[in-house]
Amino acid sequence: MTPAELQNLISSYNTYYAQGQINKDELIALLQGVNIMEGLGEDVESLQTKEMLNTILNSAISVASALA
């Protein structure tokens, strides 16, 4: 997964949350699931890209956790 693909996925999840299709806990679980899924493909992508994806995901999880 590229950073752009990850941003699109996070955006989709945020849209689902904003539309009330998922709740805060489901949003966090989805984001954490992507984080786990990305860890499985380490041989496919470089470490630098993995670090970038991890930073993006951790930021998204932090934002989701701060939602009311």
PDB file of N, CA and C in Angstrom:
ATOM      1  N   MET A   1       0.849  -1.170   0.000  1.00  0.00           N
ATOM      2  CA  MET A   1       0.000   0.000   0.000  1.00  0.00           C
ATOM      3  C   MET A   1       0.895   1.234   0.000  1.00  0.00           C
ATOM      4  N   THR A   2       0.553   2.155  -0.843  1.00  0.00           N
ATOM      5  CA  THR A   2       1.313   3.402  -0.912  1.00  0.00           C
ATOM      6  C   THR A   2       0.724   4.407   0.080  1.00  0.00           C
ATOM      7  N   PRO A   3       1.490   5.443   0.399  1.00  0.00           N
ATOM      8  CA  PRO A   3       0.920   6.482   1.276  1.00  0.00           C
ATOM      9  C   PRO A   3      -0.362   7.094   0.708  1.00  0.00           C
ATOM     10  N   ALA A   4      -0.432   7.281  -0.588  1.00  0.00           N
ATOM     11  CA  ALA A   4      -1.641   7.851  -1.189  1.00  0.00           C
ATOM     12  C   ALA A   4      -2.832   6.902  -1.023  1.00  0.00           C
ATOM     13  N   GLU A   5      -2.599   5.610  -1.207  1.00  0.00           N
ATOM     14  CA  GLU A   5      -3.667   4.630  -1.016  1.00  0.00           C
ATOM     15  C   GLU A   5      -4.128   4.609   0.440  1.00  0.00           C
ATOM     16  N   LEU A   6      -3.174   4.713   1.347  1.00  0.00           N
ATOM     17  CA  LEU A   6      -3.511   4.743   2.764  1.00  0.00           C
ATOM     18  C   LEU A   6      -4.335   5.979   3.097  1.00  0.00           C
ATOM     19  N   GLN A   7      -3.932   7.130   2.578  1.00  0.00           N
ATOM     20  CA  GLN A   7      -4.690   8.368   2.825  1.00  0.00           C
ATOM     21  C   GLN A   7      -6.118   8.231   2.298  1.00  0.00           C
ATOM     22  N   ASN A   8      -6.288   7.603   1.135  1.00  0.00           N
ATOM     23  CA  ASN A   8      -7.628   7.402   0.572  1.00  0.00           C
ATOM     24  C   ASN A   8      -8.459   6.490   1.461  1.00  0.00           C
ATOM     25  N   LEU A   9      -7.845   5.431   1.981  1.00  0.00           N
ATOM     26  CA  LEU A   9      -8.551   4.508   2.864  1.00  0.00           C
ATOM     27  C   LEU A   9      -8.974   5.208   4.152  1.00  0.00           C
ATOM     28  N   ILE A  10      -8.067   5.963   4.741  1.00  0.00           N
ATOM     29  CA  ILE A  10      -8.391   6.711   5.961  1.00  0.00           C
ATOM     30  C   ILE A  10      -9.507   7.714   5.687  1.00  0.00           C
ATOM     31  N   SER A  11      -9.440   8.378   4.561  1.00  0.00           N
ATOM     32  CA  SER A  11     -10.479   9.335   4.183  1.00  0.00           C
ATOM     33  C   SER A  11     -11.840   8.640   4.063  1.00  0.00           C
ATOM     34  N   SER A  12     -11.845   7.455   3.466  1.00  0.00           N
ATOM     35  CA  SER A  12     -13.089   6.693   3.340  1.00  0.00           C
ATOM     36  C   SER A  12     -13.645   6.345   4.711  1.00  0.00           C
ATOM     37  N   TYR A  13     -12.783   5.868   5.597  1.00  0.00           N
ATOM     38  CA  TYR A  13     -13.225   5.526   6.948  1.00  0.00           C
ATOM     39  C   TYR A  13     -13.764   6.759   7.673  1.00  0.00           C
ATOM     40  N   ASN A  14     -13.098   7.904   7.504  1.00  0.00           N
ATOM     41  CA  ASN A  14     -13.564   9.139   8.131  1.00  0.00           C
ATOM     42  C   ASN A  14     -14.919   9.556   7.579  1.00  0.00           C
ATOM     43  N   THR A  15     -15.133   9.338   6.297  1.00  0.00           N
ATOM     44  CA  THR A  15     -16.420   9.646   5.681  1.00  0.00           C
ATOM     45  C   THR A  15     -17.511   8.755   6.268  1.00  0.00           C
ATOM     46  N   TYR A  16     -17.213   7.455   6.408  1.00  0.00           N
ATOM     47  CA  TYR A  16     -18.185   6.544   7.017  1.00  0.00           C
ATOM     48  C   TYR A  16     -18.559   7.018   8.422  1.00  0.00           C
ATOM     49  N   TYR A  17     -17.548   7.461   9.182  1.00  0.00           N
ATOM     50  CA  TYR A  17     -17.792   7.953  10.540  1.00  0.00           C
ATOM     51  C   TYR A  17     -18.650   9.221  10.504  1.00  0.00           C
ATOM     52  N   ALA A  18     -18.285  10.147   9.637  1.00  0.00           N
ATOM     53  CA  ALA A  18     -19.009  11.416   9.551  1.00  0.00           C
ATOM     54  C   ALA A  18     -20.463  11.206   9.143  1.00  0.00           C
ATOM     55  N   GLN A  19     -20.726  10.190   8.338  1.00  0.00           N
ATOM     56  CA  GLN A  19     -22.087   9.901   7.889  1.00  0.00           C
ATOM     57  C   GLN A  19     -22.857   9.028   8.882  1.00  0.00           C
ATOM     58  N   GLY A  20     -22.189   8.636   9.966  1.00  0.00           N
ATOM     59  CA  GLY A  20     -22.838   7.826  10.986  1.00  0.00           C
ATOM     60  C   GLY A  20     -22.930   6.348  10.645  1.00  0.00           C
ATOM     61  N   GLN A  21     -22.211   5.923   9.615  1.00  0.00           N
ATOM     62  CA  GLN A  21     -22.246   4.517   9.219  1.00  0.00           C
ATOM     63  C   GLN A  21     -21.426   3.638  10.167  1.00  0.00           C
ATOM     64  N   ILE A  22     -20.445   4.229  10.830  1.00  0.00           N
ATOM     65  CA  ILE A  22     -19.653   3.526  11.841  1.00  0.00           C
ATOM     66  C   ILE A  22     -19.483   4.455  13.034  1.00  0.00           C
ATOM     67  N   ASN A  23     -19.250   3.863  14.201  1.00  0.00           N
ATOM     68  CA  ASN A  23     -19.030   4.701  15.382  1.00  0.00           C
ATOM     69  C   ASN A  23     -17.529   4.865  15.631  1.00  0.00           C
ATOM     70  N   LYS A  24     -17.201   5.625  16.667  1.00  0.00           N
ATOM     71  CA  LYS A  24     -15.798   5.926  16.974  1.00  0.00           C
ATOM     72  C   LYS A  24     -14.984   4.659  17.204  1.00  0.00           C
ATOM     73  N   ASP A  25     -15.533   3.726  17.969  1.00  0.00           N
ATOM     74  CA  ASP A  25     -14.797   2.489  18.257  1.00  0.00           C
ATOM     75  C   ASP A  25     -14.557   1.670  16.992  1.00  0.00           C
ATOM     76  N   GLU A  26     -15.550   1.643  16.109  1.00  0.00           N
ATOM     77  CA  GLU A  26     -15.381   0.917  14.849  1.00  0.00           C
ATOM     78  C   GLU A  26     -14.321   1.592  13.976  1.00  0.00           C
ATOM     79  N   LEU A  27     -14.311   2.921  13.966  1.00  0.00           N
ATOM     80  CA  LEU A  27     -13.309   3.661  13.204  1.00  0.00           C
ATOM     81  C   LEU A  27     -11.906   3.311  13.697  1.00  0.00           C
ATOM     82  N   ILE A  28     -11.722   3.342  14.997  1.00  0.00           N
ATOM     83  CA  ILE A  28     -10.407   3.018  15.569  1.00  0.00           C
ATOM     84  C   ILE A  28     -10.023   1.578  15.237  1.00  0.00           C
ATOM     85  N   ALA A  29     -10.971   0.654  15.363  1.00  0.00           N
ATOM     86  CA  ALA A  29     -10.686  -0.754  15.064  1.00  0.00           C
ATOM     87  C   ALA A  29     -10.290  -0.937  13.600  1.00  0.00           C
ATOM     88  N   LEU A  30     -10.966  -0.245  12.694  1.00  0.00           N
ATOM     89  CA  LEU A  30     -10.614  -0.331  11.274  1.00  0.00           C
ATOM     90  C   LEU A  30      -9.201   0.186  11.025  1.00  0.00           C
ATOM     91  N   LEU A  31      -8.884   1.315  11.638  1.00  0.00           N
ATOM     92  CA  LEU A  31      -7.549   1.885  11.452  1.00  0.00           C
ATOM     93  C   LEU A  31      -6.481   0.981  12.042  1.00  0.00           C
ATOM     94  N   GLN A  32      -6.747   0.403  13.199  1.00  0.00           N
ATOM     95  CA  GLN A  32      -5.780  -0.509  13.807  1.00  0.00           C
ATOM     96  C   GLN A  32      -5.638  -1.777  12.964  1.00  0.00           C
ATOM     97  N   GLY A  33      -6.717  -2.214  12.340  1.00  0.00           N
ATOM     98  CA  GLY A  33      -6.674  -3.380  11.457  1.00  0.00           C
ATOM     99  C   GLY A  33      -5.797  -3.138  10.248  1.00  0.00           C
ATOM    100  N   VAL A  34      -5.861  -1.946   9.690  1.00  0.00           N
ATOM    101  CA  VAL A  34      -5.001  -1.601   8.562  1.00  0.00           C
ATOM    102  C   VAL A  34      -3.555  -1.616   9.014  1.00  0.00           C
ATOM    103  N   ASN A  35      -3.291  -1.123  10.214  1.00  0.00           N
ATOM    104  CA  ASN A  35      -1.932  -1.102  10.747  1.00  0.00           C
ATOM    105  C   ASN A  35      -1.376  -2.522  10.843  1.00  0.00           C
ATOM    106  N   ILE A  36      -2.175  -3.449  11.318  1.00  0.00           N
ATOM    107  CA  ILE A  36      -1.756  -4.855  11.416  1.00  0.00           C
ATOM    108  C   ILE A  36      -1.557  -5.443  10.026  1.00  0.00           C
ATOM    109  N   MET A  37      -2.506  -5.181   9.121  1.00  0.00           N
ATOM    110  CA  MET A  37      -2.431  -5.706   7.756  1.00  0.00           C
ATOM    111  C   MET A  37      -1.161  -5.237   7.065  1.00  0.00           C
ATOM    112  N   GLU A  38      -0.797  -3.988   7.260  1.00  0.00           N
ATOM    113  CA  GLU A  38       0.396  -3.436   6.624  1.00  0.00           C
ATOM    114  C   GLU A  38       1.662  -4.101   7.154  1.00  0.00           C
ATOM    115  N   GLY A  39       1.652  -4.525   8.397  1.00  0.00           N
ATOM    116  CA  GLY A  39       2.813  -5.181   8.975  1.00  0.00           C
ATOM    117  C   GLY A  39       3.099  -6.536   8.353  1.00  0.00           C
ATOM    118  N   LEU A  40       2.092  -7.137   7.728  1.00  0.00           N
ATOM    119  CA  LEU A  40       2.267  -8.459   7.139  1.00  0.00           C
ATOM    120  C   LEU A  40       3.038  -8.429   5.829  1.00  0.00           C
ATOM    121  N   GLY A  41       3.049  -7.300   5.133  1.00  0.00           N
ATOM    122  CA  GLY A  41       3.682  -7.227   3.829  1.00  0.00           C
ATOM    123  C   GLY A  41       5.044  -6.569   3.847  1.00  0.00           C
ATOM    124  N   GLU A  42       5.799  -6.741   4.913  1.00  0.00           N
ATOM    125  CA  GLU A  42       7.074  -6.048   5.054  1.00  0.00           C
ATOM    126  C   GLU A  42       8.055  -6.338   3.934  1.00  0.00           C
ATOM    127  N   ASP A  43       8.035  -7.528   3.383  1.00  0.00           N
ATOM    128  CA  ASP A  43       8.989  -7.854   2.336  1.00  0.00           C
ATOM    129  C   ASP A  43       8.682  -7.131   1.034  1.00  0.00           C
ATOM    130  N   VAL A  44       7.495  -6.591   0.891  1.00  0.00           N
ATOM    131  CA  VAL A  44       7.075  -5.953  -0.346  1.00  0.00           C
ATOM    132  C   VAL A  44       7.514  -4.497  -0.412  1.00  0.00           C
ATOM    133  N   GLU A  45       7.510  -3.810   0.684  1.00  0.00           N
ATOM    134  CA  GLU A  45       7.812  -2.382   0.691  1.00  0.00           C
ATOM    135  C   GLU A  45       9.056  -2.088   1.511  1.00  0.00           C
ATOM    136  N   SER A  46       9.644  -0.981   1.224  1.00  0.00           N
ATOM    137  CA  SER A  46      10.850  -0.592   1.952  1.00  0.00           C
ATOM    138  C   SER A  46      10.530  -0.144   3.371  1.00  0.00           C
ATOM    139  N   LEU A  47      11.522  -0.188   4.228  1.00  0.00           N
ATOM    140  CA  LEU A  47      11.352   0.223   5.620  1.00  0.00           C
ATOM    141  C   LEU A  47      10.943   1.688   5.716  1.00  0.00           C
ATOM    142  N   GLN A  48      11.487   2.526   4.867  1.00  0.00           N
ATOM    143  CA  GLN A  48      11.157   3.951   4.909  1.00  0.00           C
ATOM    144  C   GLN A  48       9.671   4.169   4.629  1.00  0.00           C
ATOM    145  N   THR A  49       9.125   3.469   3.653  1.00  0.00           N
ATOM    146  CA  THR A  49       7.706   3.600   3.337  1.00  0.00           C
ATOM    147  C   THR A  49       6.867   3.074   4.489  1.00  0.00           C
ATOM    148  N   LYS A  50       7.294   1.963   5.095  1.00  0.00           N
ATOM    149  CA  LYS A  50       6.582   1.417   6.246  1.00  0.00           C
ATOM    150  C   LYS A  50       6.521   2.424   7.387  1.00  0.00           C
ATOM    151  N   GLU A  51       7.629   3.098   7.629  1.00  0.00           N
ATOM    152  CA  GLU A  51       7.662   4.089   8.703  1.00  0.00           C
ATOM    153  C   GLU A  51       6.694   5.226   8.409  1.00  0.00           C
ATOM    154  N   MET A  52       6.626   5.647   7.145  1.00  0.00           N
ATOM    155  CA  MET A  52       5.712   6.722   6.752  1.00  0.00           C
ATOM    156  C   MET A  52       4.263   6.281   6.945  1.00  0.00           C
ATOM    157  N   LEU A  53       3.947   5.062   6.516  1.00  0.00           N
ATOM    158  CA  LEU A  53       2.589   4.554   6.674  1.00  0.00           C
ATOM    159  C   LEU A  53       2.219   4.447   8.150  1.00  0.00           C
ATOM    160  N   ASN A  54       3.148   3.982   8.954  1.00  0.00           N
ATOM    161  CA  ASN A  54       2.904   3.852  10.386  1.00  0.00           C
ATOM    162  C   ASN A  54       2.632   5.214  11.020  1.00  0.00           C
ATOM    163  N   THR A  55       3.381   6.220  10.623  1.00  0.00           N
ATOM    164  CA  THR A  55       3.170   7.572  11.137  1.00  0.00           C
ATOM    165  C   THR A  55       1.787   8.087  10.759  1.00  0.00           C
ATOM    166  N   ILE A  56       1.393   7.869   9.508  1.00  0.00           N
ATOM    167  CA  ILE A  56       0.075   8.308   9.041  1.00  0.00           C
ATOM    168  C   ILE A  56      -1.022   7.600   9.841  1.00  0.00           C
ATOM    169  N   LEU A  57      -0.891   6.279   9.991  1.00  0.00           N
ATOM    170  CA  LEU A  57      -1.904   5.524  10.722  1.00  0.00           C
ATOM    171  C   LEU A  57      -1.982   5.925  12.186  1.00  0.00           C
ATOM    172  N   ASN A  58      -0.839   6.089  12.813  1.00  0.00           N
ATOM    173  CA  ASN A  58      -0.852   6.489  14.223  1.00  0.00           C
ATOM    174  C   ASN A  58      -1.489   7.858  14.396  1.00  0.00           C
ATOM    175  N   SER A  59      -1.265   8.752  13.459  1.00  0.00           N
ATOM    176  CA  SER A  59      -1.905  10.070  13.525  1.00  0.00           C
ATOM    177  C   SER A  59      -3.404   9.947  13.375  1.00  0.00           C
ATOM    178  N   ALA A  60      -3.833   9.112  12.434  1.00  0.00           N
ATOM    179  CA  ALA A  60      -5.277   8.923  12.218  1.00  0.00           C
ATOM    180  C   ALA A  60      -5.926   8.289  13.446  1.00  0.00           C
ATOM    181  N   ILE A  61      -5.258   7.318  14.056  1.00  0.00           N
ATOM    182  CA  ILE A  61      -5.797   6.675  15.257  1.00  0.00           C
ATOM    183  C   ILE A  61      -5.881   7.688  16.401  1.00  0.00           C
ATOM    184  N   SER A  62      -4.884   8.539  16.541  1.00  0.00           N
ATOM    185  CA  SER A  62      -4.900   9.563  17.587  1.00  0.00           C
ATOM    186  C   SER A  62      -6.066  10.531  17.386  1.00  0.00           C
ATOM    187  N   VAL A  63      -6.277  10.945  16.149  1.00  0.00           N
ATOM    188  CA  VAL A  63      -7.385  11.857  15.845  1.00  0.00           C
ATOM    189  C   VAL A  63      -8.708  11.176  16.137  1.00  0.00           C
ATOM    190  N   ALA A  64      -8.854   9.917  15.699  1.00  0.00           N
ATOM    191  CA  ALA A  64     -10.100   9.192  15.934  1.00  0.00           C
ATOM    192  C   ALA A  64     -10.352   9.015  17.427  1.00  0.00           C
ATOM    193  N   SER A  65      -9.309   8.767  18.182  1.00  0.00           N
ATOM    194  CA  SER A  65      -9.462   8.582  19.624  1.00  0.00           C
ATOM    195  C   SER A  65      -9.893   9.863  20.317  1.00  0.00           C
ATOM    196  N   ALA A  66      -9.558  10.999  19.754  1.00  0.00           N
ATOM    197  CA  ALA A  66      -9.896  12.283  20.362  1.00  0.00           C
ATOM    198  C   ALA A  66     -11.314  12.734  20.017  1.00  0.00           C
ATOM    199  N   LEU A  67     -11.982  12.045  19.104  1.00  0.00           N
ATOM    200  CA  LEU A  67     -13.335  12.424  18.724  1.00  0.00           C
ATOM    201  C   LEU A  67     -14.288  12.269  19.888  1.00  0.00           C
ATOM    202  N   ALA A  68     -15.273  13.111  19.910  1.00  0.00           N
ATOM    203  CA  ALA A  68     -16.256  13.076  21.014  1.00  0.00           C
ATOM    204  C   ALA A  68     -17.147  11.877  20.929  1.00  0.00           C
TER     205      ALA A  68
END
